[in-house]
Amino acid sequence: MSEQAVLLVIEVLSDPAHADAKQAYLEKSAPIAQHYGGQLINTYRLCDSLNFDSHADALVIMSFPNFSAINDLFADEQYKQLIPLRKQAFKSIKYTTAESLTT
Protein backbone atom coordinates (compact mmCIF):
# COMPACT_ATOMS: atom_id res chain seq x y z
CA MET A 1 0.00 0.00 0.00
CA SER A 2 1.27 3.44 -0.85
CA GLU A 3 1.82 6.43 1.38
CA GLN A 4 -0.47 8.72 -0.64
CA ALA A 5 -3.58 10.25 0.89
CA VAL A 6 -6.38 7.73 1.32
CA LEU A 7 -10.12 7.97 1.83
CA LEU A 8 -12.05 6.45 4.66
CA VAL A 9 -15.61 5.81 3.50
CA ILE A 10 -18.05 5.22 6.35
CA GLU A 11 -21.51 3.84 5.63
CA VAL A 12 -23.88 4.08 8.59
CA LEU A 13 -27.40 3.27 9.64
CA SER A 14 -28.25 5.54 12.54
CA ASP A 15 -30.45 4.50 15.43
CA PRO A 16 -33.06 7.27 15.76
CA ALA A 17 -33.81 6.16 19.32
CA HIS A 18 -30.25 7.12 20.30
CA ALA A 19 -29.72 10.48 18.58
CA ASP A 20 -28.04 11.79 21.74
CA ALA A 21 -25.48 8.96 21.61
CA LYS A 22 -24.81 9.73 17.94
CA GLN A 23 -24.19 13.40 18.68
CA ALA A 24 -21.88 12.55 21.59
CA TYR A 25 -19.94 10.03 19.49
CA LEU A 26 -19.48 12.50 16.63
CA GLU A 27 -18.33 15.26 18.98
CA LYS A 28 -15.85 13.01 20.79
CA SER A 29 -14.49 11.09 17.80
CA ALA A 30 -13.85 14.09 15.51
CA PRO A 31 -10.88 15.51 17.47
CA ILE A 32 -9.29 12.05 17.67
CA ALA A 33 -9.60 11.60 13.90
CA GLN A 34 -8.18 15.10 13.37
CA HIS A 35 -5.19 14.18 15.57
CA TYR A 36 -4.32 11.51 12.99
CA GLY A 37 -4.75 13.89 10.06
CA GLY A 38 -8.38 13.02 9.33
CA GLN A 39 -10.30 15.65 7.42
CA LEU A 40 -14.01 15.48 6.71
CA ILE A 41 -14.66 15.76 2.98
CA ASN A 42 -18.45 15.52 3.16
CA THR A 43 -21.43 13.74 4.66
CA TYR A 44 -24.23 12.51 2.41
CA ARG A 45 -27.78 11.35 3.06
CA LEU A 46 -28.37 8.18 1.04
CA CYS A 47 -31.48 8.50 -1.08
CA ASP A 48 -31.86 5.30 -3.08
CA SER A 49 -30.02 2.08 -3.78
CA LEU A 50 -29.94 1.31 -7.48
CA ASN A 51 -28.50 -2.19 -7.56
CA PHE A 52 -28.54 -3.69 -4.06
CA ASP A 53 -30.40 -3.59 -0.80
CA SER A 54 -28.73 -0.86 1.21
CA HIS A 55 -28.94 -0.85 4.97
CA ALA A 56 -27.50 2.62 5.42
CA ASP A 57 -28.89 6.11 5.71
CA ALA A 58 -25.69 8.15 5.46
CA LEU A 59 -22.25 8.08 3.89
CA VAL A 60 -19.29 9.94 5.40
CA ILE A 61 -16.09 10.48 3.42
CA MET A 62 -12.88 11.46 5.17
CA SER A 63 -9.33 11.93 3.92
CA PHE A 64 -6.25 10.72 5.83
CA PRO A 65 -2.56 11.17 5.03
CA ASN A 66 -2.02 7.40 4.63
CA PHE A 67 -3.29 3.97 5.67
CA SER A 68 -1.14 4.03 8.82
CA ALA A 69 -3.01 7.08 10.09
CA ILE A 70 -6.34 5.23 9.79
CA ASN A 71 -4.94 2.16 11.52
CA ASP A 72 -3.52 4.37 14.29
CA LEU A 73 -6.92 6.02 14.74
CA PHE A 74 -8.68 2.69 15.25
CA ALA A 75 -5.92 1.53 17.64
CA ASP A 76 -6.09 4.73 19.72
CA GLU A 77 -7.12 4.03 23.33
CA GLN A 78 -9.36 7.12 23.51
CA TYR A 79 -11.12 6.00 20.35
CA LYS A 80 -11.56 2.46 21.67
CA GLN A 81 -13.35 3.91 24.70
CA LEU A 82 -15.97 5.35 22.30
CA ILE A 83 -16.89 1.98 20.79
CA PRO A 84 -19.79 1.31 23.22
CA LEU A 85 -21.19 4.76 22.41
CA ARG A 86 -20.74 4.07 18.66
CA LYS A 87 -22.59 0.74 19.00
CA GLN A 88 -25.47 2.55 20.68
CA ALA A 89 -25.58 5.37 18.11
CA PHE A 90 -25.58 3.23 14.96
CA LYS A 91 -27.50 0.08 14.07
CA SER A 92 -24.73 -0.70 11.58
CA ILE A 93 -21.48 0.85 10.44
CA LYS A 94 -19.15 -0.19 7.63
CA TYR A 95 -15.66 1.18 7.02
CA THR A 96 -13.93 1.01 3.65
CA THR A 97 -10.63 2.54 2.59
CA ALA A 98 -9.87 3.76 -0.91
CA GLU A 99 -6.92 5.21 -2.74
CA SER A 100 -6.63 6.93 -6.08
CA LEU A 101 -5.95 4.80 -9.14
CA THR A 102 -4.07 7.75 -10.66
CA THR A 103 -0.92 9.32 -9.29
Foldseek 3Di string as FASTA:
>chain_A
DDQAKKKKKKFFAWDVVPVVLVVVLCVQLVVLLVVLVKDWPDKAADDDDDPDDDRGGMMTMIIGRGPVSVVCSVVDPSNVVSVVSVVNGTVDMDIDMGDDPPD
